[in-house]
N, C-alpha and C. Protein backbone atom coordinates (compact mmCIF):
# COMPACT_ATOMS: atom_id res chain seq x y z
N UNK A 1 0.95 -1.26 0.11
CA UNK A 1 -0.08 0.00 0.03
C UNK A 1 0.95 1.08 -0.27
N UNK A 2 0.72 2.23 -0.59
CA UNK A 2 1.54 3.66 -0.96
C UNK A 2 1.46 4.24 0.53
N UNK A 3 2.29 4.92 0.70
CA UNK A 3 2.40 6.01 1.79
C UNK A 3 2.74 7.30 1.01
N UNK A 4 1.85 8.18 1.78
CA UNK A 4 1.71 9.65 1.24
C UNK A 4 2.36 10.39 2.37
N UNK A 5 3.23 11.59 2.19
CA UNK A 5 3.66 12.51 2.98
C UNK A 5 2.89 13.62 2.50
N UNK A 6 2.44 14.45 3.89
CA UNK A 6 1.66 15.98 3.66
C UNK A 6 2.00 16.79 4.85
N UNK A 7 2.14 18.05 4.39
CA UNK A 7 1.99 18.88 5.63
C UNK A 7 0.86 19.79 5.60
N UNK A 8 0.66 20.02 7.08
CA UNK A 8 -0.53 20.63 7.32
C UNK A 8 -0.67 21.85 7.16
N UNK A 9 -1.78 22.35 6.75
CA UNK A 9 -1.84 23.98 6.31
C UNK A 9 -2.00 24.96 7.29
N UNK A 10 -2.66 24.34 8.43
CA UNK A 10 -2.88 25.15 9.76
C UNK A 10 -1.95 25.28 10.72
N UNK A 11 -1.14 24.00 11.40
CA UNK A 11 0.26 23.84 12.06
C UNK A 11 1.26 23.55 11.84
N UNK A 12 1.25 23.56 10.37
CA UNK A 12 2.43 23.20 9.30
C UNK A 12 3.67 21.83 9.77
N UNK A 13 2.78 21.00 10.54
CA UNK A 13 3.45 19.84 10.71
C UNK A 13 3.39 18.69 9.84
N UNK A 14 4.46 18.00 9.84
CA UNK A 14 4.55 16.96 8.67
C UNK A 14 3.91 15.35 9.27
N UNK A 15 3.31 14.94 8.38
CA UNK A 15 2.73 13.51 8.52
C UNK A 15 3.11 12.59 7.41
N UNK A 16 2.85 11.29 7.66
CA UNK A 16 2.55 10.24 6.85
C UNK A 16 1.60 9.55 7.15
N UNK A 17 0.79 9.45 6.14
CA UNK A 17 -0.11 8.49 6.09
C UNK A 17 -0.30 6.86 4.74
N UNK A 18 -0.69 5.96 5.37
CA UNK A 18 -0.54 4.74 4.51
C UNK A 18 -1.71 4.39 4.21
N UNK A 19 -2.11 4.69 2.98
CA UNK A 19 -3.70 4.09 2.25
C UNK A 19 -3.77 4.01 0.82
N UNK A 20 -4.64 3.29 0.62
CA UNK A 20 -4.92 2.59 -0.82
C UNK A 20 -5.04 4.42 -1.67
N UNK A 21 -4.87 4.28 -3.07
CA UNK A 21 -4.88 5.30 -3.78
C UNK A 21 -6.44 5.93 -4.06
N UNK A 22 -7.38 4.64 -3.95
CA UNK A 22 -8.89 5.05 -4.19
C UNK A 22 -9.28 5.88 -2.39
N UNK A 23 -8.58 5.22 -1.31
CA UNK A 23 -8.95 5.63 0.01
C UNK A 23 -8.27 7.58 -0.16
N UNK A 24 -7.37 7.58 -0.69
CA UNK A 24 -6.28 9.27 -0.69
C UNK A 24 -7.69 10.02 -1.55
N UNK A 25 -8.28 9.35 -2.75
CA UNK A 25 -9.29 10.40 -3.34
C UNK A 25 -10.36 10.31 -2.96
N UNK A 26 -10.77 9.54 -2.08
CA UNK A 26 -12.14 9.62 -1.40
C UNK A 26 -12.23 10.15 -0.01
N UNK A 27 -11.39 10.04 0.88
CA UNK A 27 -11.17 10.66 2.22
C UNK A 27 -10.83 11.88 2.49
N UNK A 28 -11.34 12.41 3.25
CA UNK A 28 -11.08 13.65 3.78
C UNK A 28 -9.96 13.42 4.96
N UNK A 29 -8.85 13.97 4.34
CA UNK A 29 -7.70 13.65 5.35
C UNK A 29 -7.59 14.85 6.42
N UNK A 30 -7.17 14.80 7.46
CA UNK A 30 -7.00 15.61 8.47
C UNK A 30 -5.68 15.42 9.29
N UNK A 31 -5.13 16.52 10.04
CA UNK A 31 -3.73 16.43 10.39
C UNK A 31 -4.13 15.74 11.79
N UNK A 32 -3.19 14.82 12.17
CA UNK A 32 -3.26 14.17 13.66
C UNK A 32 -3.12 14.97 14.78
N UNK A 33 -2.24 16.21 14.51
CA UNK A 33 -2.21 17.20 15.65
C UNK A 33 -3.25 17.98 15.75
N UNK A 34 -3.48 18.81 15.04
CA UNK A 34 -4.51 19.95 15.30
C UNK A 34 -6.14 19.64 14.42
N UNK A 35 -6.06 18.55 13.47
CA UNK A 35 -7.40 18.24 13.14
C UNK A 35 -7.79 18.87 11.84
N UNK A 36 -6.76 19.78 11.47
CA UNK A 36 -6.92 20.72 10.15
C UNK A 36 -7.30 19.48 8.83
N UNK A 37 -8.12 19.99 7.80
CA UNK A 37 -8.50 19.42 6.36
C UNK A 37 -7.44 19.86 5.62
N UNK A 38 -6.83 21.32 5.94
CA UNK A 38 -5.83 21.93 4.98
C UNK A 38 -4.60 21.40 5.03
N UNK A 39 -4.30 20.66 3.64
CA UNK A 39 -3.12 20.09 3.32
C UNK A 39 -2.29 20.56 2.55
N UNK A 40 -0.82 19.94 2.37
CA UNK A 40 -0.13 20.15 1.15
C UNK A 40 0.74 18.94 0.97
N UNK A 41 0.88 18.60 -0.45
CA UNK A 41 1.41 16.95 -0.51
C UNK A 41 2.72 17.55 -0.48
N UNK A 42 3.54 16.61 0.24
CA UNK A 42 5.04 16.86 0.17
C UNK A 42 5.86 15.84 -0.46
N UNK A 43 6.60 15.92 -1.62
CA UNK A 43 7.39 15.07 -2.64
C UNK A 43 8.69 14.46 -1.86
N UNK A 44 8.29 13.09 -1.53
CA UNK A 44 9.34 12.34 -1.14
C UNK A 44 9.75 11.25 -2.07
N UNK A 45 11.04 10.27 -1.30
CA UNK A 45 12.10 9.58 -2.04
C UNK A 45 11.18 8.07 -2.44
N UNK A 46 11.55 7.75 -3.37
CA UNK A 46 10.70 6.47 -3.81
C UNK A 46 11.61 4.96 -3.71
N UNK A 47 11.25 3.97 -3.36
CA UNK A 47 12.18 2.88 -3.68
C UNK A 47 11.30 1.61 -3.82
N UNK A 48 11.50 0.78 -4.60
CA UNK A 48 11.08 -0.55 -5.00
C UNK A 48 11.90 -1.59 -4.67
N UNK A 49 11.60 -2.57 -4.05
CA UNK A 49 12.09 -3.77 -4.02
C UNK A 49 11.40 -5.05 -4.45
N UNK A 50 12.45 -5.68 -5.05
CA UNK A 50 12.10 -6.80 -6.17
C UNK A 50 12.90 -8.19 -5.64
N UNK A 51 11.84 -9.15 -6.11
CA UNK A 51 12.93 -10.58 -5.90
C UNK A 51 13.91 -10.93 -6.68
N UNK A 52 13.47 -10.48 -7.99
CA UNK A 52 14.84 -10.82 -8.92
C UNK A 52 15.90 -10.18 -8.79
N UNK A 53 17.26 -11.01 -8.91
CA UNK A 53 18.10 -10.33 -8.96
C UNK A 53 19.03 -10.24 -10.40
N UNK A 54 19.40 -9.23 -10.28
CA UNK A 54 20.05 -8.64 -11.52
C UNK A 54 21.53 -8.81 -11.99
């Protein structure tokens, strides 16, 4: 399941949520610290792990 990083528009705290792509589109995401629904997406690094050897 994907992990999304956000920054709260109210208190400016960064937080990470793990949810499906459809949940991200449907859910009203709230800051865990202040409860504000204002958010900014934060771009983070990405890595993939495969079982195939190169």
